């Protein structure tokens, strides 16, 4: 990772862990956790399911990192980056230590707390597939059908 990405990764991981610790200290049972990233203000915030602030960090370089892409690619890059942070062993272990009411989701929200993307879902009873899974399956089925039809000619 570049220096900026390494700094972002570390700061976001620590902020997630601080949010989990606060929720555990207050003995909260959560159904969701909301993540808000304000690149222009360099703020990274984590909220509980009542939209109360659990942890917040000012991350130097956040605006610089997000400015490397256009708006559409920037949002997709941010979602992918946050999913990578959530998949990190320390953060994943912290999230699994929470008292949750399944299905528990970590959701990226905008400035008005409207959902942008589901970053992670914890549920022992169900398996959740990301949207790209269906796109890949659709393409594979189309390719298979074309190959099958080519063999019949």
Protein backbone atom coordinates (compact mmCIF):
# COMPACT_ATOMS: atom_id res chain seq x y z
CA UNK A 1 0.00 0.00 0.00
CA UNK A 2 1.08 3.53 -0.58
CA UNK A 3 1.89 5.72 2.43
CA UNK A 4 -1.44 7.54 2.19
CA UNK A 5 -3.42 4.30 1.91
CA UNK A 6 -1.45 2.79 4.76
CA UNK A 7 -2.23 5.81 6.95
CA UNK A 8 -5.93 5.68 5.98
CA UNK A 9 -6.10 1.94 6.60
CA UNK A 10 -4.52 2.25 10.03
CA UNK A 11 -6.66 5.21 11.11
CA UNK A 12 -9.90 3.63 9.90
CA UNK A 13 -9.07 0.32 11.57
CA UNK A 14 -8.36 2.07 14.87
CA UNK A 15 -11.58 4.08 14.61
CA UNK A 16 -13.66 0.94 13.99
CA UNK A 17 -12.03 -0.74 17.00
CA UNK A 18 -12.67 2.35 19.17
CA UNK A 19 -16.34 2.32 18.10
CA UNK A 20 -16.65 -1.35 18.99
CA UNK A 21 -15.01 -0.78 22.38
CA UNK A 22 -17.41 2.07 23.14
CA UNK A 23 -20.42 -0.06 22.16
CA UNK A 24 -19.16 -2.93 24.31
CA UNK A 25 -18.46 -0.60 27.26
CA UNK A 26 -22.00 0.73 27.08
CA UNK A 27 -23.32 -2.84 26.68
CA UNK A 28 -25.19 -2.03 23.48
CA UNK A 29 -26.98 -4.62 21.37
CA UNK A 30 -26.65 -3.38 17.81
CA UNK A 31 -28.55 -4.19 14.65
CA UNK A 32 -26.48 -1.91 12.42
CA UNK A 33 -23.42 0.30 12.42
CA UNK A 34 -23.19 3.31 10.12
CA UNK A 35 -20.01 4.67 8.57
CA UNK A 36 -19.78 8.21 7.25
CA UNK A 37 -16.80 9.54 5.32
CA UNK A 38 -16.55 13.28 4.67
CA UNK A 39 -13.53 13.54 2.43
CA UNK A 40 -13.60 17.34 2.14
CA UNK A 41 -13.53 17.66 5.95
CA UNK A 42 -11.20 14.65 6.32
CA UNK A 43 -13.65 13.11 8.83
CA UNK A 44 -14.30 9.43 9.36
CA UNK A 45 -17.24 8.68 11.67
CA UNK A 46 -18.85 5.51 13.00
CA UNK A 47 -22.41 5.60 14.38
CA UNK A 48 -24.59 3.07 16.16
CA UNK A 49 -28.04 2.03 14.93
CA UNK A 50 -29.67 5.05 16.64
CA UNK A 51 -27.28 7.33 14.72
CA UNK A 52 -25.39 8.23 17.91
CA UNK A 53 -21.68 8.84 17.34
CA UNK A 54 -19.49 5.98 18.55
CA UNK A 55 -16.11 7.15 17.20
CA UNK A 56 -14.74 9.83 14.95
CA UNK A 57 -11.31 10.56 13.53
CA UNK A 58 -9.76 13.30 11.45
CA UNK A 59 -7.63 11.56 8.88
CA UNK A 60 -4.98 13.60 7.10
CA UNK A 61 -4.76 12.69 3.44
CA UNK A 62 -8.37 11.55 3.07
CA UNK A 63 -9.23 14.40 0.72
CA UNK A 64 -6.03 13.82 -1.27
CA UNK A 65 -6.76 10.08 -1.59
CA UNK A 66 -10.37 10.63 -2.71
CA UNK A 67 -9.30 13.31 -5.20
CA UNK A 68 -7.31 10.80 -7.25
CA UNK A 69 -10.54 9.48 -8.87
CA UNK A 70 -13.66 11.02 -10.38
CA UNK A 71 -16.88 10.94 -8.31
CA UNK A 72 -18.13 7.55 -9.52
CA UNK A 73 -14.75 5.81 -9.25
CA UNK A 74 -14.06 7.57 -5.95
CA UNK A 75 -17.23 6.14 -4.39
CA UNK A 76 -16.48 2.64 -5.69
CA UNK A 77 -12.86 2.90 -4.52
CA UNK A 78 -14.02 4.04 -1.08
CA UNK A 79 -16.48 1.15 -0.79
CA UNK A 80 -13.79 -1.36 -1.81
CA UNK A 81 -11.29 0.20 0.59
CA UNK A 82 -13.75 0.13 3.52
CA UNK A 83 -14.58 -3.51 2.80
CA UNK A 84 -10.86 -4.27 2.92
CA UNK A 85 -10.58 -2.48 6.28
CA UNK A 86 -13.56 -4.43 7.65
CA UNK A 87 -12.05 -7.70 6.45
CA UNK A 88 -8.80 -7.03 8.32
CA UNK A 89 -8.29 -9.57 11.10
CA UNK A 90 -8.29 -7.03 13.96
CA UNK A 91 -11.42 -5.22 12.83
CA UNK A 92 -13.25 -8.44 11.96
CA UNK A 93 -12.44 -9.91 15.37
CA UNK A 94 -13.62 -6.71 17.08
CA UNK A 95 -16.91 -6.72 15.15
CA UNK A 96 -17.53 -10.36 16.03
CA UNK A 97 -17.06 -9.50 19.72
CA UNK A 98 -20.04 -7.14 19.63
CA UNK A 99 -23.43 -8.04 21.06
CA UNK A 100 -25.42 -7.99 17.85
CA UNK A 101 -28.96 -8.71 16.77
CA UNK A 102 -28.61 -10.55 13.44
CA UNK A 103 -28.51 -9.68 10.68
CA UNK A 104 -25.99 -7.00 11.67
CA UNK A 105 -24.79 -4.73 8.88
CA UNK A 106 -22.08 -2.13 8.54
CA UNK A 107 -23.48 0.45 6.14
CA UNK A 108 -21.80 3.37 4.38
CA UNK A 109 -24.07 6.44 4.62
CA UNK A 110 -24.00 9.92 3.12
CA UNK A 111 -24.16 13.26 4.96
CA UNK A 112 -27.92 12.87 5.53
CA UNK A 113 -27.51 9.31 6.87
CA UNK A 114 -29.02 7.76 3.73
CA UNK A 115 -27.48 4.37 2.88
CA UNK A 116 -24.99 4.24 0.03
CA UNK A 117 -23.66 0.68 0.30
CA UNK A 118 -23.75 -2.34 2.57
CA UNK A 119 -20.12 -2.94 3.52
CA UNK A 120 -20.46 -6.08 5.64
CA UNK A 121 -23.18 -8.28 7.08
CA UNK A 122 -22.76 -10.58 10.06
CA UNK A 123 -25.32 -13.33 10.35
CA UNK A 124 -24.58 -16.91 11.33
CA UNK A 125 -27.82 -18.24 9.84
CA UNK A 126 -27.71 -16.74 6.33
CA UNK A 127 -25.12 -16.25 3.62
CA UNK A 128 -25.10 -12.86 1.89
CA UNK A 129 -23.74 -12.37 -1.59
CA UNK A 130 -22.52 -9.06 -2.94
CA UNK A 131 -24.00 -7.60 -6.11
CA UNK A 132 -20.91 -8.39 -8.17
CA UNK A 133 -21.53 -12.11 -7.57
CA UNK A 134 -24.73 -11.96 -9.59
CA UNK A 135 -23.03 -10.00 -12.38
CA UNK A 136 -20.29 -12.63 -12.61
CA UNK A 137 -22.77 -15.51 -12.59
CA UNK A 138 -24.83 -13.80 -15.28
CA UNK A 139 -21.77 -13.38 -17.49
CA UNK A 140 -20.67 -16.98 -16.91
CA UNK A 141 -24.12 -18.29 -17.83
CA UNK A 142 -24.20 -16.13 -20.97
CA UNK A 143 -20.76 -17.42 -22.00
CA UNK A 144 -21.80 -21.01 -21.31
CA UNK A 145 -24.98 -20.62 -23.36
CA UNK A 146 -23.07 -19.09 -26.30
CA UNK A 147 -20.54 -21.94 -26.21
CA UNK A 148 -23.33 -24.50 -25.99
CA UNK A 149 -25.17 -23.00 -28.95
CA UNK A 150 -21.93 -22.79 -30.97
CA UNK A 151 -21.46 -26.54 -30.51
CA UNK A 152 -24.87 -27.26 -32.04
CA UNK A 153 -24.13 -25.52 -35.34
